[in-house]
Amino acid sequence: VDIDLQQLVNGLWLAGAEAVAINGHRLSSVTAIRGAGDAITVDYRSLTRPYRVEAIGDPLTMQSRYVESAGGRWWATLHQTYGLRHDVSTSREVVLSADAGQDLRQAKVRGER
């Protein structure tokens, strides 16, 4: 369900993720994760199961912070109630492609008005 992926992703952001992707689709602060009938879409692109969520962040803290986040608690409840699970692993190297839908609209040097 889309809300389950939303909770997982929000938990990763709260845990300190610097970048997140679902099935190779890079997410941003304005990415839409929605249900469309039986499908889940990310920025209106349909995803197929299994859903692979990848995140880049501090390997020493992100996993424990995720478990303590609302998203981590949400998934713990899904596991206890419905038997749903998600596997968490750590990699030395993760490469996520850029968000193809993001364009730079405005930029300025910090401190300038």
PDB file of N, CA and C in Angstrom:
ATOM      1  N   VAL A   1       0.847  -1.178   0.000  1.00  0.00           N
ATOM      2  CA  VAL A   1       0.000   0.000   0.000  1.00  0.00           C
ATOM      3  C   VAL A   1       0.894   1.243   0.000  1.00  0.00           C
ATOM      4  N   ASP A   2       0.448   2.285  -0.659  1.00  0.00           N
ATOM      5  CA  ASP A   2       1.262   3.494  -0.784  1.00  0.00           C
ATOM      6  C   ASP A   2       1.622   4.112   0.562  1.00  0.00           C
ATOM      7  N   ILE A   3       0.704   4.087   1.512  1.00  0.00           N
ATOM      8  CA  ILE A   3       0.986   4.679   2.830  1.00  0.00           C
ATOM      9  C   ILE A   3       2.132   3.947   3.523  1.00  0.00           C
ATOM     10  N   ASP A   4       2.258   2.647   3.293  1.00  0.00           N
ATOM     11  CA  ASP A   4       3.340   1.877   3.906  1.00  0.00           C
ATOM     12  C   ASP A   4       4.697   2.330   3.366  1.00  0.00           C
ATOM     13  N   LEU A   5       4.778   2.546   2.051  1.00  0.00           N
ATOM     14  CA  LEU A   5       6.029   3.041   1.467  1.00  0.00           C
ATOM     15  C   LEU A   5       6.290   4.479   1.902  1.00  0.00           C
ATOM     16  N   GLN A   6       5.239   5.283   2.005  1.00  0.00           N
ATOM     17  CA  GLN A   6       5.411   6.661   2.476  1.00  0.00           C
ATOM     18  C   GLN A   6       5.990   6.677   3.887  1.00  0.00           C
ATOM     19  N   GLN A   7       5.457   5.827   4.752  1.00  0.00           N
ATOM     20  CA  GLN A   7       5.950   5.752   6.134  1.00  0.00           C
ATOM     21  C   GLN A   7       7.410   5.304   6.176  1.00  0.00           C
ATOM     22  N   LEU A   8       7.749   4.307   5.360  1.00  0.00           N
ATOM     23  CA  LEU A   8       9.118   3.814   5.328  1.00  0.00           C
ATOM     24  C   LEU A   8      10.069   4.921   4.874  1.00  0.00           C
ATOM     25  N   VAL A   9       9.725   5.601   3.790  1.00  0.00           N
ATOM     26  CA  VAL A   9      10.578   6.660   3.260  1.00  0.00           C
ATOM     27  C   VAL A   9      10.697   7.814   4.251  1.00  0.00           C
ATOM     28  N   ASN A  10       9.577   8.235   4.835  1.00  0.00           N
ATOM     29  CA  ASN A  10       9.641   9.316   5.820  1.00  0.00           C
ATOM     30  C   ASN A  10      10.501   8.928   7.014  1.00  0.00           C
ATOM     31  N   GLY A  11      10.442   7.661   7.410  1.00  0.00           N
ATOM     32  CA  GLY A  11      11.299   7.182   8.489  1.00  0.00           C
ATOM     33  C   GLY A  11      12.771   7.261   8.123  1.00  0.00           C
ATOM     34  N   LEU A  12      13.084   6.958   6.873  1.00  0.00           N
ATOM     35  CA  LEU A  12      14.478   7.058   6.428  1.00  0.00           C
ATOM     36  C   LEU A  12      14.959   8.505   6.423  1.00  0.00           C
ATOM     37  N   TRP A  13      14.108   9.426   5.932  1.00  0.00           N
ATOM     38  CA  TRP A  13      14.500  10.846   5.961  1.00  0.00           C
ATOM     39  C   TRP A  13      14.756  11.280   7.401  1.00  0.00           C
ATOM     40  N   LEU A  14      13.847  10.893   8.323  1.00  0.00           N
ATOM     41  CA  LEU A  14      14.011  11.269   9.732  1.00  0.00           C
ATOM     42  C   LEU A  14      15.260  10.642  10.347  1.00  0.00           C
ATOM     43  N   ALA A  15      15.651   9.496   9.843  1.00  0.00           N
ATOM     44  CA  ALA A  15      16.828   8.795  10.365  1.00  0.00           C
ATOM     45  C   ALA A  15      18.129   9.371   9.817  1.00  0.00           C
ATOM     46  N   GLY A  16      18.014  10.351   8.928  1.00  0.00           N
ATOM     47  CA  GLY A  16      19.220  11.001   8.415  1.00  0.00           C
ATOM     48  C   GLY A  16      19.616  10.616   7.010  1.00  0.00           C
ATOM     49  N   ALA A  17      18.720   9.983   6.258  1.00  0.00           N
ATOM     50  CA  ALA A  17      19.059   9.626   4.882  1.00  0.00           C
ATOM     51  C   ALA A  17      19.343  10.883   4.077  1.00  0.00           C
ATOM     52  N   GLU A  18      20.396  10.827   3.292  1.00  0.00           N
ATOM     53  CA  GLU A  18      20.758  11.944   2.426  1.00  0.00           C
ATOM     54  C   GLU A  18      20.149  11.787   1.046  1.00  0.00           C
ATOM     55  N   ALA A  19      19.836  10.560   0.659  1.00  0.00           N
ATOM     56  CA  ALA A  19      19.226  10.264  -0.637  1.00  0.00           C
ATOM     57  C   ALA A  19      18.439   8.967  -0.499  1.00  0.00           C
ATOM     58  N   VAL A  20      17.287   8.898  -1.193  1.00  0.00           N
ATOM     59  CA  VAL A  20      16.427   7.711  -1.136  1.00  0.00           C
ATOM     60  C   VAL A  20      15.906   7.427  -2.540  1.00  0.00           C
ATOM     61  N   ALA A  21      15.800   6.135  -2.886  1.00  0.00           N
ATOM     62  CA  ALA A  21      15.222   5.718  -4.162  1.00  0.00           C
ATOM     63  C   ALA A  21      14.338   4.501  -3.916  1.00  0.00           C
ATOM     64  N   ILE A  22      13.263   4.395  -4.707  1.00  0.00           N
ATOM     65  CA  ILE A  22      12.407   3.211  -4.693  1.00  0.00           C
ATOM     66  C   ILE A  22      12.463   2.612  -6.086  1.00  0.00           C
ATOM     67  N   ASN A  23      12.865   1.352  -6.166  1.00  0.00           N
ATOM     68  CA  ASN A  23      13.005   0.648  -7.451  1.00  0.00           C
ATOM     69  C   ASN A  23      13.775   1.494  -8.465  1.00  0.00           C
ATOM     70  N   GLY A  24      14.807   2.180  -7.995  1.00  0.00           N
ATOM     71  CA  GLY A  24      15.657   2.966  -8.878  1.00  0.00           C
ATOM     72  C   GLY A  24      15.167   4.371  -9.167  1.00  0.00           C
ATOM     73  N   HIS A  25      13.992   4.733  -8.687  1.00  0.00           N
ATOM     74  CA  HIS A  25      13.456   6.080  -8.896  1.00  0.00           C
ATOM     75  C   HIS A  25      13.858   6.958  -7.715  1.00  0.00           C
ATOM     76  N   ARG A  26      14.729   7.913  -7.964  1.00  0.00           N
ATOM     77  CA  ARG A  26      15.219   8.808  -6.918  1.00  0.00           C
ATOM     78  C   ARG A  26      14.095   9.704  -6.412  1.00  0.00           C
ATOM     79  N   LEU A  27      14.021   9.850  -5.104  1.00  0.00           N
ATOM     80  CA  LEU A  27      12.992  10.659  -4.485  1.00  0.00           C
ATOM     81  C   LEU A  27      13.542  12.024  -4.104  1.00  0.00           C
ATOM     82  N   SER A  28      12.653  12.981  -4.020  1.00  0.00           N
ATOM     83  CA  SER A  28      13.005  14.303  -3.539  1.00  0.00           C
ATOM     84  C   SER A  28      11.932  14.737  -2.548  1.00  0.00           C
ATOM     85  N   SER A  29      12.056  15.956  -2.053  1.00  0.00           N
ATOM     86  CA  SER A  29      11.080  16.447  -1.079  1.00  0.00           C
ATOM     87  C   SER A  29       9.700  16.664  -1.690  1.00  0.00           C
ATOM     88  N   VAL A  30       9.606  16.684  -3.005  1.00  0.00           N
ATOM     89  CA  VAL A  30       8.310  16.894  -3.669  1.00  0.00           C
ATOM     90  C   VAL A  30       7.823  15.656  -4.424  1.00  0.00           C
ATOM     91  N   THR A  31       8.449  14.513  -4.195  1.00  0.00           N
ATOM     92  CA  THR A  31       8.046  13.278  -4.861  1.00  0.00           C
ATOM     93  C   THR A  31       6.698  12.793  -4.349  1.00  0.00           C
ATOM     94  N   ALA A  32       5.825  12.416  -5.275  1.00  0.00           N
ATOM     95  CA  ALA A  32       4.517  11.868  -4.915  1.00  0.00           C
ATOM     96  C   ALA A  32       4.595  10.343  -4.903  1.00  0.00           C
ATOM     97  N   ILE A  33       4.200   9.732  -3.794  1.00  0.00           N
ATOM     98  CA  ILE A  33       4.068   8.280  -3.685  1.00  0.00           C
ATOM     99  C   ILE A  33       2.579   8.036  -3.484  1.00  0.00           C
ATOM    100  N   ARG A  34       1.935   7.443  -4.472  1.00  0.00           N
ATOM    101  CA  ARG A  34       0.481   7.312  -4.454  1.00  0.00           C
ATOM    102  C   ARG A  34       0.040   5.928  -4.891  1.00  0.00           C
ATOM    103  N   GLY A  35      -1.149   5.563  -4.446  1.00  0.00           N
ATOM    104  CA  GLY A  35      -1.788   4.355  -4.919  1.00  0.00           C
ATOM    105  C   GLY A  35      -2.632   4.684  -6.138  1.00  0.00           C
ATOM    106  N   ALA A  36      -2.606   3.800  -7.113  1.00  0.00           N
ATOM    107  CA  ALA A  36      -3.416   3.971  -8.329  1.00  0.00           C
ATOM    108  C   ALA A  36      -4.019   2.613  -8.645  1.00  0.00           C
ATOM    109  N   GLY A  37      -5.180   2.335  -8.078  1.00  0.00           N
ATOM    110  CA  GLY A  37      -5.760   1.004  -8.220  1.00  0.00           C
ATOM    111  C   GLY A  37      -4.903   0.006  -7.469  1.00  0.00           C
ATOM    112  N   ASP A  38      -4.449  -1.034  -8.164  1.00  0.00           N
ATOM    113  CA  ASP A  38      -3.582  -2.041  -7.539  1.00  0.00           C
ATOM    114  C   ASP A  38      -2.113  -1.650  -7.588  1.00  0.00           C
ATOM    115  N   ALA A  39      -1.782  -0.576  -8.292  1.00  0.00           N
ATOM    116  CA  ALA A  39      -0.383  -0.176  -8.465  1.00  0.00           C
ATOM    117  C   ALA A  39      -0.003   0.931  -7.487  1.00  0.00           C
ATOM    118  N   ILE A  40       1.283   1.038  -7.246  1.00  0.00           N
ATOM    119  CA  ILE A  40       1.836   2.164  -6.504  1.00  0.00           C
ATOM    120  C   ILE A  40       2.672   2.948  -7.495  1.00  0.00           C
ATOM    121  N   THR A  41       2.513   4.274  -7.465  1.00  0.00           N
ATOM    122  CA  THR A  41       3.273   5.113  -8.386  1.00  0.00           C
ATOM    123  C   THR A  41       4.196   6.038  -7.598  1.00  0.00           C
ATOM    124  N   VAL A  42       5.336   6.315  -8.211  1.00  0.00           N
ATOM    125  CA  VAL A  42       6.278   7.306  -7.708  1.00  0.00           C
ATOM    126  C   VAL A  42       6.416   8.328  -8.827  1.00  0.00           C
ATOM    127  N   ASP A  43       6.006   9.557  -8.536  1.00  0.00           N
ATOM    128  CA  ASP A  43       5.966  10.603  -9.567  1.00  0.00           C
ATOM    129  C   ASP A  43       5.257  10.103 -10.819  1.00  0.00           C
ATOM    130  N   TYR A  44       4.136   9.418 -10.599  1.00  0.00           N
ATOM    131  CA  TYR A  44       3.242   8.940 -11.662  1.00  0.00           C
ATOM    132  C   TYR A  44       3.853   7.840 -12.539  1.00  0.00           C
ATOM    133  N   ARG A  45       4.921   7.206 -12.057  1.00  0.00           N
ATOM    134  CA  ARG A  45       5.490   6.040 -12.739  1.00  0.00           C
ATOM    135  C   ARG A  45       5.144   4.805 -11.912  1.00  0.00           C
ATOM    136  N   SER A  46       4.499   3.833 -12.541  1.00  0.00           N
ATOM    137  CA  SER A  46       4.080   2.628 -11.819  1.00  0.00           C
ATOM    138  C   SER A  46       5.284   1.801 -11.403  1.00  0.00           C
ATOM    139  N   LEU A  47       5.214   1.267 -10.199  1.00  0.00           N
ATOM    140  CA  LEU A  47       6.259   0.394  -9.668  1.00  0.00           C
ATOM    141  C   LEU A  47       5.765  -1.036  -9.662  1.00  0.00           C
ATOM    142  N   THR A  48       6.683  -1.972  -9.728  1.00  0.00           N
ATOM    143  CA  THR A  48       6.334  -3.384  -9.628  1.00  0.00           C
ATOM    144  C   THR A  48       6.960  -3.956  -8.359  1.00  0.00           C
ATOM    145  N   ARG A  49       6.320  -4.998  -7.852  1.00  0.00           N
ATOM    146  CA  ARG A  49       6.836  -5.678  -6.664  1.00  0.00           C
ATOM    147  C   ARG A  49       7.975  -6.593  -7.064  1.00  0.00           C
ATOM    148  N   PRO A  50       8.881  -6.885  -6.209  1.00  0.00           N
ATOM    149  CA  PRO A  50       9.052  -6.357  -4.861  1.00  0.00           C
ATOM    150  C   PRO A  50       9.581  -4.925  -4.921  1.00  0.00           C
ATOM    151  N   TYR A  51       9.266  -4.152  -3.905  1.00  0.00           N
ATOM    152  CA  TYR A  51       9.733  -2.779  -3.833  1.00  0.00           C
ATOM    153  C   TYR A  51      11.105  -2.769  -3.166  1.00  0.00           C
ATOM    154  N   ARG A  52      12.052  -2.161  -3.834  1.00  0.00           N
ATOM    155  CA  ARG A  52      13.408  -2.057  -3.284  1.00  0.00           C
ATOM    156  C   ARG A  52      13.658  -0.594  -2.933  1.00  0.00           C
ATOM    157  N   VAL A  53      13.834  -0.343  -1.663  1.00  0.00           N
ATOM    158  CA  VAL A  53      14.098   1.010  -1.189  1.00  0.00           C
ATOM    159  C   VAL A  53      15.564   1.082  -0.798  1.00  0.00           C
ATOM    160  N   GLU A  54      16.265   2.043  -1.384  1.00  0.00           N
ATOM    161  CA  GLU A  54      17.678   2.242  -1.079  1.00  0.00           C
ATOM    162  C   GLU A  54      17.860   3.640  -0.514  1.00  0.00           C
ATOM    163  N   ALA A  55      18.758   3.747   0.462  1.00  0.00           N
ATOM    164  CA  ALA A  55      19.015   5.035   1.088  1.00  0.00           C
ATOM    165  C   ALA A  55      20.505   5.191   1.337  1.00  0.00           C
ATOM    166  N   ILE A  56      20.962   6.414   1.217  1.00  0.00           N
ATOM    167  CA  ILE A  56      22.352   6.745   1.527  1.00  0.00           C
ATOM    168  C   ILE A  56      22.353   7.571   2.800  1.00  0.00           C
ATOM    169  N   GLY A  57      23.185   7.184   3.737  1.00  0.00           N
ATOM    170  CA  GLY A  57      23.289   7.899   4.998  1.00  0.00           C
ATOM    171  C   GLY A  57      24.379   7.297   5.855  1.00  0.00           C
ATOM    172  N   ASP A  58      24.514   7.768   7.058  1.00  0.00           N
ATOM    173  CA  ASP A  58      25.528   7.302   7.987  1.00  0.00           C
ATOM    174  C   ASP A  58      25.228   5.859   8.403  1.00  0.00           C
ATOM    175  N   PRO A  59      26.083   4.907   8.029  1.00  0.00           N
ATOM    176  CA  PRO A  59      25.807   3.494   8.347  1.00  0.00           C
ATOM    177  C   PRO A  59      25.868   3.187   9.837  1.00  0.00           C
ATOM    178  N   LEU A  60      26.476   4.058  10.615  1.00  0.00           N
ATOM    179  CA  LEU A  60      26.585   3.813  12.051  1.00  0.00           C
ATOM    180  C   LEU A  60      25.334   4.233  12.816  1.00  0.00           C
ATOM    181  N   THR A  61      24.543   5.150  12.251  1.00  0.00           N
ATOM    182  CA  THR A  61      23.401   5.658  12.999  1.00  0.00           C
ATOM    183  C   THR A  61      22.052   5.492  12.292  1.00  0.00           C
ATOM    184  N   MET A  62      22.060   5.435  10.974  1.00  0.00           N
ATOM    185  CA  MET A  62      20.795   5.487  10.253  1.00  0.00           C
ATOM    186  C   MET A  62      19.873   4.314  10.581  1.00  0.00           C
ATOM    187  N   GLN A  63      20.413   3.108  10.650  1.00  0.00           N
ATOM    188  CA  GLN A  63      19.557   1.942  10.896  1.00  0.00           C
ATOM    189  C   GLN A  63      18.888   2.029  12.256  1.00  0.00           C
ATOM    190  N   SER A  64      19.619   2.364  13.292  1.00  0.00           N
ATOM    191  CA  SER A  64      19.014   2.440  14.635  1.00  0.00           C
ATOM    192  C   SER A  64      18.042   3.615  14.727  1.00  0.00           C
ATOM    193  N   ARG A  65      18.355   4.721  14.085  1.00  0.00           N
ATOM    194  CA  ARG A  65      17.446   5.867  14.094  1.00  0.00           C
ATOM    195  C   ARG A  65      16.175   5.552  13.311  1.00  0.00           C
ATOM    196  N   TYR A  66      16.301   4.765  12.230  1.00  0.00           N
ATOM    197  CA  TYR A  66      15.116   4.373  11.464  1.00  0.00           C
ATOM    198  C   TYR A  66      14.184   3.521  12.327  1.00  0.00           C
ATOM    199  N   VAL A  67      14.733   2.549  13.024  1.00  0.00           N
ATOM    200  CA  VAL A  67      13.919   1.657  13.864  1.00  0.00           C
ATOM    201  C   VAL A  67      13.137   2.462  14.898  1.00  0.00           C
ATOM    202  N   GLU A  68      13.724   3.531  15.405  1.00  0.00           N
ATOM    203  CA  GLU A  68      13.081   4.363  16.422  1.00  0.00           C
ATOM    204  C   GLU A  68      12.116   5.389  15.825  1.00  0.00           C
ATOM    205  N   SER A  69      12.135   5.570  14.508  1.00  0.00           N
ATOM    206  CA  SER A  69      11.286   6.567  13.866  1.00  0.00           C
ATOM    207  C   SER A  69       9.842   6.079  13.765  1.00  0.00           C
ATOM    208  N   ALA A  70       8.942   7.001  13.423  1.00  0.00           N
ATOM    209  CA  ALA A  70       7.541   6.630  13.211  1.00  0.00           C
ATOM    210  C   ALA A  70       7.425   5.594  12.092  1.00  0.00           C
ATOM    211  N   GLY A  71       8.240   5.736  11.043  1.00  0.00           N
ATOM    212  CA  GLY A  71       8.217   4.766   9.937  1.00  0.00           C
ATOM    213  C   GLY A  71       8.671   3.386  10.388  1.00  0.00           C
ATOM    214  N   GLY A  72       9.711   3.338  11.212  1.00  0.00           N
ATOM    215  CA  GLY A  72      10.182   2.058  11.738  1.00  0.00           C
ATOM    216  C   GLY A  72       9.149   1.398  12.628  1.00  0.00           C
ATOM    217  N   ARG A  73       8.504   2.196  13.463  1.00  0.00           N
ATOM    218  CA  ARG A  73       7.449   1.664  14.337  1.00  0.00           C
ATOM    219  C   ARG A  73       6.247   1.211  13.520  1.00  0.00           C
ATOM    220  N   TRP A  74       5.924   1.953  12.440  1.00  0.00           N
ATOM    221  CA  TRP A  74       4.820   1.581  11.537  1.00  0.00           C
ATOM    222  C   TRP A  74       5.075   0.184  10.969  1.00  0.00           C
ATOM    223  N   TRP A  75       6.315  -0.019  10.471  1.00  0.00           N
ATOM    224  CA  TRP A  75       6.642  -1.314   9.867  1.00  0.00           C
ATOM    225  C   TRP A  75       6.729  -2.432  10.895  1.00  0.00           C
ATOM    226  N   ALA A  76       7.122  -2.114  12.111  1.00  0.00           N
ATOM    227  CA  ALA A  76       7.117  -3.125  13.176  1.00  0.00           C
ATOM    228  C   ALA A  76       5.685  -3.575  13.447  1.00  0.00           C
ATOM    229  N   THR A  77       4.739  -2.629  13.429  1.00  0.00           N
ATOM    230  CA  THR A  77       3.327  -2.958  13.621  1.00  0.00           C
ATOM    231  C   THR A  77       2.801  -3.793  12.457  1.00  0.00           C
ATOM    232  N   LEU A  78       3.174  -3.429  11.222  1.00  0.00           N
ATOM    233  CA  LEU A  78       2.758  -4.233  10.065  1.00  0.00           C
ATOM    234  C   LEU A  78       3.265  -5.664  10.176  1.00  0.00           C
ATOM    235  N   HIS A  79       4.488  -5.817  10.661  1.00  0.00           N
ATOM    236  CA  HIS A  79       5.060  -7.155  10.820  1.00  0.00           C
ATOM    237  C   HIS A  79       4.301  -7.938  11.889  1.00  0.00           C
ATOM    238  N   GLN A  80       4.064  -7.313  13.032  1.00  0.00           N
ATOM    239  CA  GLN A  80       3.378  -8.003  14.126  1.00  0.00           C
ATOM    240  C   GLN A  80       1.925  -8.313  13.792  1.00  0.00           C
ATOM    241  N   THR A  81       1.265  -7.408  13.084  1.00  0.00           N
ATOM    242  CA  THR A  81      -0.163  -7.555  12.814  1.00  0.00           C
ATOM    243  C   THR A  81      -0.451  -8.409  11.586  1.00  0.00           C
ATOM    244  N   TYR A  82       0.302  -8.184  10.508  1.00  0.00           N
ATOM    245  CA  TYR A  82      -0.005  -8.840   9.232  1.00  0.00           C
ATOM    246  C   TYR A  82       1.096  -9.762   8.718  1.00  0.00           C
ATOM    247  N   GLY A  83       2.211  -9.819   9.410  1.00  0.00           N
ATOM    248  CA  GLY A  83       3.307 -10.666   8.954  1.00  0.00           C
ATOM    249  C   GLY A  83       4.131 -10.056   7.822  1.00  0.00           C
ATOM    250  N   LEU A  84       3.864  -8.788   7.489  1.00  0.00           N
ATOM    251  CA  LEU A  84       4.673  -8.129   6.456  1.00  0.00           C
ATOM    252  C   LEU A  84       6.073  -7.893   7.002  1.00  0.00           C
ATOM    253  N   ARG A  85       7.030  -7.934   6.120  1.00  0.00           N
ATOM    254  CA  ARG A  85       8.393  -7.711   6.590  1.00  0.00           C
ATOM    255  C   ARG A  85       9.160  -6.907   5.559  1.00  0.00           C
ATOM    256  N   HIS A  86      10.225  -6.330   6.035  1.00  0.00           N
ATOM    257  CA  HIS A  86      11.182  -5.683   5.151  1.00  0.00           C
ATOM    258  C   HIS A  86      12.559  -5.989   5.702  1.00  0.00           C
ATOM    259  N   ASP A  87      13.449  -6.264   4.793  1.00  0.00           N
ATOM    260  CA  ASP A  87      14.811  -6.600   5.175  1.00  0.00           C
ATOM    261  C   ASP A  87      15.676  -5.356   5.081  1.00  0.00           C
ATOM    262  N   VAL A  88      16.542  -5.186   6.062  1.00  0.00           N
ATOM    263  CA  VAL A  88      17.449  -4.047   6.090  1.00  0.00           C
ATOM    264  C   VAL A  88      18.865  -4.581   6.018  1.00  0.00           C
ATOM    265  N   SER A  89      19.657  -4.004   5.130  1.00  0.00           N
ATOM    266  CA  SER A  89      21.051  -4.403   5.023  1.00  0.00           C
ATOM    267  C   SER A  89      21.909  -3.159   4.818  1.00  0.00           C
ATOM    268  N   THR A  90      23.181  -3.311   5.075  1.00  0.00           N
ATOM    269  CA  THR A  90      24.133  -2.215   4.923  1.00  0.00           C
ATOM    270  C   THR A  90      25.118  -2.574   3.822  1.00  0.00           C
ATOM    271  N   SER A  91      25.421  -1.610   2.974  1.00  0.00           N
ATOM    272  CA  SER A  91      26.400  -1.796   1.902  1.00  0.00           C
ATOM    273  C   SER A  91      27.482  -0.741   2.035  1.00  0.00           C
ATOM    274  N   ARG A  92      28.668  -1.085   1.606  1.00  0.00           N
ATOM    275  CA  ARG A  92      29.769  -0.124   1.635  1.00  0.00           C
ATOM    276  C   ARG A  92      29.578   0.948   0.567  1.00  0.00           C
ATOM    277  N   GLU A  93      28.922   0.571  -0.532  1.00  0.00           N
ATOM    278  CA  GLU A  93      28.750   1.512  -1.633  1.00  0.00           C
ATOM    279  C   GLU A  93      27.364   1.387  -2.233  1.00  0.00           C
ATOM    280  N   VAL A  94      26.683   2.503  -2.353  1.00  0.00           N
ATOM    281  CA  VAL A  94      25.372   2.574  -2.991  1.00  0.00           C
ATOM    282  C   VAL A  94      25.404   3.758  -3.950  1.00  0.00           C
ATOM    283  N   VAL A  95      24.971   3.527  -5.177  1.00  0.00           N
ATOM    284  CA  VAL A  95      24.905   4.606  -6.159  1.00  0.00           C
ATOM    285  C   VAL A  95      23.449   4.783  -6.557  1.00  0.00           C
ATOM    286  N   LEU A  96      22.941   5.986  -6.387  1.00  0.00           N
ATOM    287  CA  LEU A  96      21.572   6.301  -6.764  1.00  0.00           C
ATOM    288  C   LEU A  96      21.611   7.335  -7.883  1.00  0.00           C
ATOM    289  N   SER A  97      20.818   7.115  -8.916  1.00  0.00           N
ATOM    290  CA  SER A  97      20.783   8.076 -10.011  1.00  0.00           C
ATOM    291  C   SER A  97      20.088   9.353  -9.555  1.00  0.00           C
ATOM    292  N   ALA A  98      20.317  10.411 -10.280  1.00  0.00           N
ATOM    293  CA  ALA A  98      19.682  11.692  -9.962  1.00  0.00           C
ATOM    294  C   ALA A  98      18.201  11.626 -10.281  1.00  0.00           C
ATOM    295  N   ASP A  99      17.427  12.498  -9.663  1.00  0.00           N
ATOM    296  CA  ASP A  99      16.005  12.603  -9.952  1.00  0.00           C
ATOM    297  C   ASP A  99      15.851  13.322 -11.283  1.00  0.00           C
ATOM    298  N   ALA A 100      15.408  12.597 -12.288  1.00  0.00           N
ATOM    299  CA  ALA A 100      15.289  13.158 -13.632  1.00  0.00           C
ATOM    300  C   ALA A 100      14.267  14.281 -13.702  1.00  0.00           C
ATOM    301  N   GLY A 101      13.338  14.331 -12.776  1.00  0.00           N
ATOM    302  CA  GLY A 101      12.299  15.349 -12.800  1.00  0.00           C
ATOM    303  C   GLY A 101      12.672  16.634 -12.086  1.00  0.00           C
ATOM    304  N   GLN A 102      13.835  16.687 -11.482  1.00  0.00           N
ATOM    305  CA  GLN A 102      14.225  17.880 -10.741  1.00  0.00           C
ATOM    306  C   GLN A 102      15.017  18.831 -11.623  1.00  0.00           C
ATOM    307  N   ASP A 103      14.532  20.043 -11.724  1.00  0.00           N
ATOM    308  CA  ASP A 103      15.233  21.106 -12.427  1.00  0.00           C
ATOM    309  C   ASP A 103      15.565  22.191 -11.423  1.00  0.00           C
ATOM    310  N   LEU A 104      16.721  22.789 -11.590  1.00  0.00           N
ATOM    311  CA  LEU A 104      17.091  23.911 -10.748  1.00  0.00           C
ATOM    312  C   LEU A 104      16.265  25.113 -11.176  1.00  0.00           C
ATOM    313  N   ARG A 105      15.477  25.644 -10.264  1.00  0.00           N
ATOM    314  CA  ARG A 105      14.610  26.769 -10.599  1.00  0.00           C
ATOM    315  C   ARG A 105      15.152  28.087 -10.089  1.00  0.00           C
ATOM    316  N   GLN A 106      15.868  28.048  -8.981  1.00  0.00           N
ATOM    317  CA  GLN A 106      16.393  29.270  -8.409  1.00  0.00           C
ATOM    318  C   GLN A 106      17.583  28.911  -7.542  1.00  0.00           C
ATOM    319  N   ALA A 107      18.604  29.743  -7.579  1.00  0.00           N
ATOM    320  CA  ALA A 107      19.774  29.516  -6.738  1.00  0.00           C
ATOM    321  C   ALA A 107      20.401  30.863  -6.400  1.00  0.00           C
ATOM    322  N   LYS A 108      20.999  30.939  -5.233  1.00  0.00           N
ATOM    323  CA  LYS A 108      21.742  32.143  -4.864  1.00  0.00           C
ATOM    324  C   LYS A 108      22.815  31.732  -3.871  1.00  0.00           C
ATOM    325  N   VAL A 109      23.828  32.571  -3.758  1.00  0.00           N
ATOM    326  CA  VAL A 109      24.918  32.321  -2.846  1.00  0.00           C
ATOM    327  C   VAL A 109      24.405  32.535  -1.437  1.00  0.00           C
ATOM    328  N   ARG A 110      24.763  31.645  -0.539  1.00  0.00           N
ATOM    329  CA  ARG A 110      24.336  31.755   0.840  1.00  0.00           C
ATOM    330  C   ARG A 110      24.769  33.087   1.424  1.00  0.00           C
ATOM    331  N   GLY A 111      23.877  33.731   2.118  1.00  0.00           N
ATOM    332  CA  GLY A 111      24.186  35.026   2.724  1.00  0.00           C
ATOM    333  C   GLY A 111      23.771  36.197   1.861  1.00  0.00           C
ATOM    334  N   GLU A 112      23.543  35.974   0.576  1.00  0.00           N
ATOM    335  CA  GLU A 112      23.092  37.053  -0.307  1.00  0.00           C
ATOM    336  C   GLU A 112      21.589  37.232  -0.174  1.00  0.00           C
ATOM    337  N   ARG A 113      21.124  38.407  -0.468  1.00  0.00           N
ATOM    338  CA  ARG A 113      19.677  38.671  -0.436  1.00  0.00           C
ATOM    339  C   ARG A 113      19.168  39.004  -1.788  1.00  0.00           C
TER     340      ARG A 113
END
